[in-house]
């Protein structure tokens, strides 16, 4: 009976250790994955704004004067509950400066 109890105890210990390691792994990795997802979304929004600005320049010969112009005339949509977009124009023949922030991280 002693050997059987040791085997059961060892198995319970091993299962417990695996569960503890899984919880630690999840606690460490989930925030890292969430940060990667936020950064990917932020970059995708910035790229979409720039792509729309270049399309406008190609068709109209000038970069749009505002982010709202892109939304109205080029169908650009951005989740404003999640992102803050700053769009700065220096001249109508120079690519605008676009900065995208994730709400809650500003």
N, C-alpha and C. Protein backbone atom coordinates (compact mmCIF):
# COMPACT_ATOMS: atom_id res chain seq x y z
N UNK A 1 0.81 -1.20 0.00
CA UNK A 1 0.00 0.00 0.00
C UNK A 1 0.85 1.25 0.00
N UNK A 2 2.02 1.24 0.55
CA UNK A 2 2.87 2.42 0.62
C UNK A 2 3.28 2.91 -0.76
N UNK A 3 3.62 1.97 -1.64
CA UNK A 3 4.05 2.34 -3.00
C UNK A 3 2.88 2.95 -3.76
N UNK A 4 1.69 2.41 -3.60
CA UNK A 4 0.50 2.92 -4.30
C UNK A 4 0.18 4.34 -3.84
N UNK A 5 0.29 4.60 -2.55
CA UNK A 5 0.02 5.94 -2.02
C UNK A 5 1.05 6.94 -2.55
N UNK A 6 2.32 6.52 -2.67
CA UNK A 6 3.35 7.42 -3.20
C UNK A 6 3.10 7.74 -4.67
N UNK A 7 2.66 6.74 -5.44
CA UNK A 7 2.37 6.97 -6.86
C UNK A 7 1.21 7.96 -7.01
N UNK A 8 0.17 7.77 -6.21
CA UNK A 8 -0.98 8.68 -6.27
C UNK A 8 -0.56 10.08 -5.83
N UNK A 9 0.21 10.17 -4.77
CA UNK A 9 0.69 11.47 -4.29
C UNK A 9 1.54 12.17 -5.35
N UNK A 10 2.43 11.40 -6.00
CA UNK A 10 3.27 11.98 -7.03
C UNK A 10 2.42 12.48 -8.20
N UNK A 11 1.43 11.71 -8.60
CA UNK A 11 0.56 12.12 -9.71
C UNK A 11 -0.23 13.37 -9.36
N UNK A 12 -0.75 13.43 -8.16
CA UNK A 12 -1.48 14.63 -7.72
C UNK A 12 -0.55 15.85 -7.69
N UNK A 13 0.67 15.63 -7.20
CA UNK A 13 1.66 16.72 -7.19
C UNK A 13 1.96 17.18 -8.61
N UNK A 14 2.15 16.23 -9.53
CA UNK A 14 2.47 16.57 -10.93
C UNK A 14 1.31 17.33 -11.57
N UNK A 15 0.09 16.89 -11.36
CA UNK A 15 -1.08 17.57 -11.92
C UNK A 15 -1.19 18.98 -11.33
N UNK A 16 -0.99 19.10 -10.05
CA UNK A 16 -1.04 20.41 -9.39
C UNK A 16 0.03 21.35 -9.93
N UNK A 17 1.23 20.82 -10.11
CA UNK A 17 2.33 21.63 -10.64
C UNK A 17 2.03 22.09 -12.06
N UNK A 18 1.48 21.21 -12.87
CA UNK A 18 1.12 21.58 -14.25
C UNK A 18 0.06 22.67 -14.24
N UNK A 19 -0.93 22.55 -13.38
CA UNK A 19 -1.97 23.57 -13.29
C UNK A 19 -1.41 24.92 -12.85
N UNK A 20 -0.53 24.91 -11.87
CA UNK A 20 0.10 26.16 -11.40
C UNK A 20 0.91 26.79 -12.53
N UNK A 21 1.68 26.00 -13.24
CA UNK A 21 2.48 26.52 -14.36
C UNK A 21 1.59 27.07 -15.47
N UNK A 22 0.47 26.42 -15.73
CA UNK A 22 -0.46 26.90 -16.76
C UNK A 22 -1.05 28.26 -16.37
N UNK A 23 -1.40 28.40 -15.10
CA UNK A 23 -1.95 29.68 -14.62
C UNK A 23 -0.90 30.78 -14.72
N UNK A 24 0.33 30.49 -14.33
CA UNK A 24 1.41 31.49 -14.42
C UNK A 24 1.66 31.86 -15.88
N UNK A 25 1.71 30.87 -16.76
CA UNK A 25 1.93 31.12 -18.18
C UNK A 25 0.83 32.02 -18.74
N UNK A 26 -0.42 31.73 -18.39
CA UNK A 26 -1.54 32.53 -18.86
C UNK A 26 -1.46 33.95 -18.33
N UNK A 27 -1.14 34.11 -17.07
CA UNK A 27 -1.05 35.44 -16.46
C UNK A 27 0.04 36.29 -17.09
N UNK A 28 1.11 35.66 -17.52
CA UNK A 28 2.22 36.39 -18.13
C UNK A 28 1.97 36.64 -19.61
N UNK A 29 1.47 35.68 -20.33
CA UNK A 29 1.37 35.77 -21.79
C UNK A 29 0.16 36.54 -22.30
N UNK A 30 -0.96 36.46 -21.62
CA UNK A 30 -2.17 37.13 -22.12
C UNK A 30 -1.96 38.64 -22.27
N UNK A 31 -1.39 39.34 -21.28
CA UNK A 31 -1.16 40.78 -21.49
C UNK A 31 -0.22 41.08 -22.66
N UNK A 32 0.76 40.23 -22.88
CA UNK A 32 1.67 40.43 -24.01
C UNK A 32 0.92 40.28 -25.32
N UNK A 33 0.08 39.27 -25.44
CA UNK A 33 -0.71 39.07 -26.65
C UNK A 33 -1.68 40.22 -26.87
N UNK A 34 -2.30 40.70 -25.80
CA UNK A 34 -3.23 41.82 -25.92
C UNK A 34 -2.51 43.07 -26.42
N UNK A 35 -1.32 43.31 -25.93
CA UNK A 35 -0.53 44.46 -26.39
C UNK A 35 -0.20 44.32 -27.87
N UNK A 36 0.17 43.14 -28.30
CA UNK A 36 0.45 42.90 -29.72
C UNK A 36 -0.78 43.16 -30.58
N UNK A 37 -1.94 42.74 -30.12
CA UNK A 37 -3.18 42.95 -30.86
C UNK A 37 -3.49 44.44 -30.96
N UNK A 38 -3.33 45.17 -29.85
CA UNK A 38 -3.57 46.62 -29.88
C UNK A 38 -2.62 47.32 -30.83
N UNK A 39 -1.35 46.94 -30.80
CA UNK A 39 -0.36 47.56 -31.69
C UNK A 39 -0.65 47.25 -33.15
N UNK A 40 -1.06 46.03 -33.44
CA UNK A 40 -1.41 45.66 -34.81
C UNK A 40 -2.61 46.46 -35.29
N UNK A 41 -3.62 46.62 -34.45
CA UNK A 41 -4.80 47.41 -34.81
C UNK A 41 -4.45 48.87 -35.03
N UNK A 42 -3.62 49.42 -34.17
CA UNK A 42 -3.19 50.81 -34.30
C UNK A 42 -2.46 51.03 -35.62
N UNK A 43 -1.56 50.13 -35.94
CA UNK A 43 -0.80 50.24 -37.18
C UNK A 43 -1.72 50.08 -38.40
N UNK A 44 -2.71 49.20 -38.32
CA UNK A 44 -3.64 49.00 -39.43
C UNK A 44 -4.48 50.25 -39.67
N UNK A 45 -4.91 50.90 -38.61
CA UNK A 45 -5.69 52.14 -38.76
C UNK A 45 -4.83 53.22 -39.41
N UNK A 46 -3.61 53.37 -38.95
CA UNK A 46 -2.71 54.38 -39.52
C UNK A 46 -2.48 54.11 -41.00
N UNK A 47 -2.25 52.86 -41.34
CA UNK A 47 -2.01 52.48 -42.73
C UNK A 47 -3.25 52.76 -43.59
N UNK A 48 -4.44 52.50 -43.07
CA UNK A 48 -5.67 52.76 -43.82
C UNK A 48 -5.86 54.26 -44.07
N UNK A 49 -5.55 55.09 -43.09
CA UNK A 49 -5.66 56.54 -43.25
C UNK A 49 -4.68 57.02 -44.31
N UNK A 50 -3.44 56.56 -44.23
CA UNK A 50 -2.44 56.97 -45.22
C UNK A 50 -2.80 56.48 -46.63
N UNK A 51 -3.29 55.26 -46.72
CA UNK A 51 -3.69 54.71 -48.02
C UNK A 51 -4.81 55.55 -48.63
N UNK A 52 -5.78 55.95 -47.81
CA UNK A 52 -6.87 56.78 -48.30
C UNK A 52 -6.36 58.16 -48.72
N UNK A 53 -5.41 58.71 -47.98
CA UNK A 53 -4.85 60.01 -48.34
C UNK A 53 -4.11 59.93 -49.68
N UNK A 54 -3.37 58.87 -49.89
CA UNK A 54 -2.65 58.69 -51.16
C UNK A 54 -3.64 58.50 -52.31
N UNK A 55 -4.70 57.76 -52.06
CA UNK A 55 -5.73 57.58 -53.08
C UNK A 55 -6.33 58.93 -53.47
N UNK A 56 -6.61 59.75 -52.47
CA UNK A 56 -7.14 61.09 -52.73
C UNK A 56 -6.15 61.91 -53.55
N UNK A 57 -4.88 61.85 -53.18
CA UNK A 57 -3.85 62.59 -53.92
C UNK A 57 -3.78 62.13 -55.38
N UNK A 58 -3.89 60.84 -55.57
CA UNK A 58 -3.82 60.27 -56.92
C UNK A 58 -5.00 60.74 -57.77
N UNK A 59 -6.18 60.76 -57.18
CA UNK A 59 -7.38 61.12 -57.94
C UNK A 59 -7.60 62.63 -58.06
N UNK A 60 -7.23 63.38 -57.03
CA UNK A 60 -7.56 64.81 -57.00
C UNK A 60 -6.34 65.72 -57.15
N UNK A 61 -5.14 65.17 -57.05
CA UNK A 61 -3.94 65.98 -57.21
C UNK A 61 -3.50 66.71 -55.96
N UNK A 62 -4.15 66.45 -54.85
CA UNK A 62 -3.77 67.09 -53.58
C UNK A 62 -4.19 66.16 -52.44
N UNK A 63 -3.43 66.23 -51.36
CA UNK A 63 -3.81 65.46 -50.18
C UNK A 63 -5.00 66.16 -49.52
N UNK A 64 -5.88 65.40 -48.91
CA UNK A 64 -7.06 66.02 -48.30
C UNK A 64 -6.68 66.90 -47.12
N UNK A 65 -7.49 67.92 -46.91
CA UNK A 65 -7.20 68.88 -45.84
C UNK A 65 -7.55 68.37 -44.45
N UNK A 66 -8.34 67.29 -44.38
CA UNK A 66 -8.73 66.80 -43.06
C UNK A 66 -9.04 65.30 -43.10
N UNK A 67 -9.01 64.73 -41.93
CA UNK A 67 -9.38 63.33 -41.74
C UNK A 67 -10.87 63.14 -42.08
N UNK A 68 -11.68 64.11 -41.73
CA UNK A 68 -13.12 64.04 -41.99
C UNK A 68 -13.40 63.98 -43.49
N UNK A 69 -12.58 64.64 -44.30
CA UNK A 69 -12.75 64.60 -45.75
C UNK A 69 -12.58 63.16 -46.25
N UNK A 70 -11.62 62.46 -45.70
CA UNK A 70 -11.41 61.06 -46.08
C UNK A 70 -12.60 60.20 -45.69
N UNK A 71 -13.16 60.46 -44.52
CA UNK A 71 -14.33 59.71 -44.08
C UNK A 71 -15.53 59.97 -45.00
N UNK A 72 -15.72 61.23 -45.36
CA UNK A 72 -16.90 61.61 -46.14
C UNK A 72 -16.79 61.19 -47.61
N UNK A 73 -15.62 61.39 -48.21
CA UNK A 73 -15.50 61.20 -49.65
C UNK A 73 -14.83 59.89 -50.07
N UNK A 74 -14.13 59.23 -49.16
CA UNK A 74 -13.39 58.02 -49.54
C UNK A 74 -13.81 56.79 -48.73
N UNK A 75 -14.85 56.94 -47.93
CA UNK A 75 -15.40 55.79 -47.23
C UNK A 75 -14.54 55.25 -46.09
N UNK A 76 -13.60 56.05 -45.63
CA UNK A 76 -12.74 55.61 -44.52
C UNK A 76 -13.57 55.56 -43.24
N UNK A 77 -13.50 54.45 -42.55
CA UNK A 77 -14.18 54.33 -41.26
C UNK A 77 -13.18 53.86 -40.22
N UNK A 78 -13.24 54.50 -39.07
CA UNK A 78 -12.36 54.17 -37.95
C UNK A 78 -13.22 54.07 -36.71
N UNK A 79 -12.97 53.07 -35.91
CA UNK A 79 -13.68 52.91 -34.65
C UNK A 79 -13.18 53.99 -33.68
N UNK A 80 -13.94 55.07 -33.58
CA UNK A 80 -13.52 56.22 -32.75
C UNK A 80 -13.67 55.94 -31.26
N UNK A 81 -14.37 54.88 -30.91
CA UNK A 81 -14.45 54.49 -29.51
C UNK A 81 -13.15 53.83 -29.06
N UNK A 82 -12.40 53.30 -30.03
CA UNK A 82 -11.18 52.57 -29.71
C UNK A 82 -9.90 53.34 -30.06
N UNK A 83 -9.97 54.21 -31.10
CA UNK A 83 -8.77 54.90 -31.57
C UNK A 83 -8.96 56.41 -31.64
N UNK A 84 -7.89 57.12 -31.43
CA UNK A 84 -7.83 58.56 -31.62
C UNK A 84 -6.88 58.81 -32.78
N UNK A 85 -7.35 59.50 -33.82
CA UNK A 85 -6.53 59.76 -35.00
C UNK A 85 -6.23 61.25 -35.08
N UNK A 86 -4.93 61.58 -35.18
CA UNK A 86 -4.55 62.96 -35.46
C UNK A 86 -4.01 63.00 -36.89
N UNK A 87 -4.48 63.99 -37.63
CA UNK A 87 -4.17 64.11 -39.05
C UNK A 87 -3.71 65.54 -39.27
N UNK A 88 -2.44 65.71 -39.60
CA UNK A 88 -1.88 67.05 -39.77
C UNK A 88 -1.35 67.22 -41.18
N UNK A 89 -1.77 68.32 -41.81
CA UNK A 89 -1.37 68.61 -43.18
C UNK A 89 -0.44 69.82 -43.16
N UNK A 90 0.70 69.67 -43.81
CA UNK A 90 1.63 70.80 -43.95
C UNK A 90 1.38 71.53 -45.26
N UNK A 91 1.24 70.78 -46.34
CA UNK A 91 0.94 71.34 -47.66
C UNK A 91 0.15 70.31 -48.44
N UNK A 92 -0.60 70.75 -49.44
CA UNK A 92 -1.46 69.82 -50.16
C UNK A 92 -0.69 68.86 -51.06
N UNK A 93 0.63 69.08 -51.21
CA UNK A 93 1.43 68.16 -52.03
C UNK A 93 2.41 67.33 -51.20
N UNK A 94 2.25 67.36 -49.87
CA UNK A 94 3.11 66.55 -48.99
C UNK A 94 2.25 65.60 -48.17
N UNK A 95 2.76 64.40 -48.02
CA UNK A 95 2.03 63.38 -47.26
C UNK A 95 1.74 63.88 -45.85
N UNK A 96 0.50 63.81 -45.42
CA UNK A 96 0.16 64.27 -44.07
C UNK A 96 0.82 63.41 -42.99
N UNK A 97 0.93 63.99 -41.83
CA UNK A 97 1.41 63.27 -40.65
C UNK A 97 0.19 62.65 -39.97
N UNK A 98 0.23 61.35 -39.78
CA UNK A 98 -0.89 60.63 -39.17
C UNK A 98 -0.39 59.93 -37.92
N UNK A 99 -1.07 60.17 -36.82
CA UNK A 99 -0.74 59.48 -35.57
C UNK A 99 -2.02 58.85 -35.04
N UNK A 100 -1.92 57.61 -34.63
CA UNK A 100 -3.08 56.88 -34.10
C UNK A 100 -2.75 56.42 -32.69
N UNK A 101 -3.64 56.73 -31.78
CA UNK A 101 -3.49 56.30 -30.39
C UNK A 101 -4.64 55.38 -30.02
N UNK A 102 -4.37 54.43 -29.18
CA UNK A 102 -5.41 53.54 -28.67
C UNK A 102 -6.00 54.22 -27.44
N UNK A 103 -7.32 54.38 -27.42
CA UNK A 103 -7.97 55.03 -26.27
C UNK A 103 -7.62 54.26 -24.99
N UNK A 104 -7.38 55.02 -23.96
CA UNK A 104 -7.00 54.43 -22.69
C UNK A 104 -5.50 54.30 -22.51
N UNK A 105 -4.75 54.50 -23.59
CA UNK A 105 -3.28 54.42 -23.52
C UNK A 105 -2.64 55.78 -23.74
N UNK A 106 -3.46 56.80 -24.01
CA UNK A 106 -2.88 58.09 -24.32
C UNK A 106 -2.30 58.67 -23.11
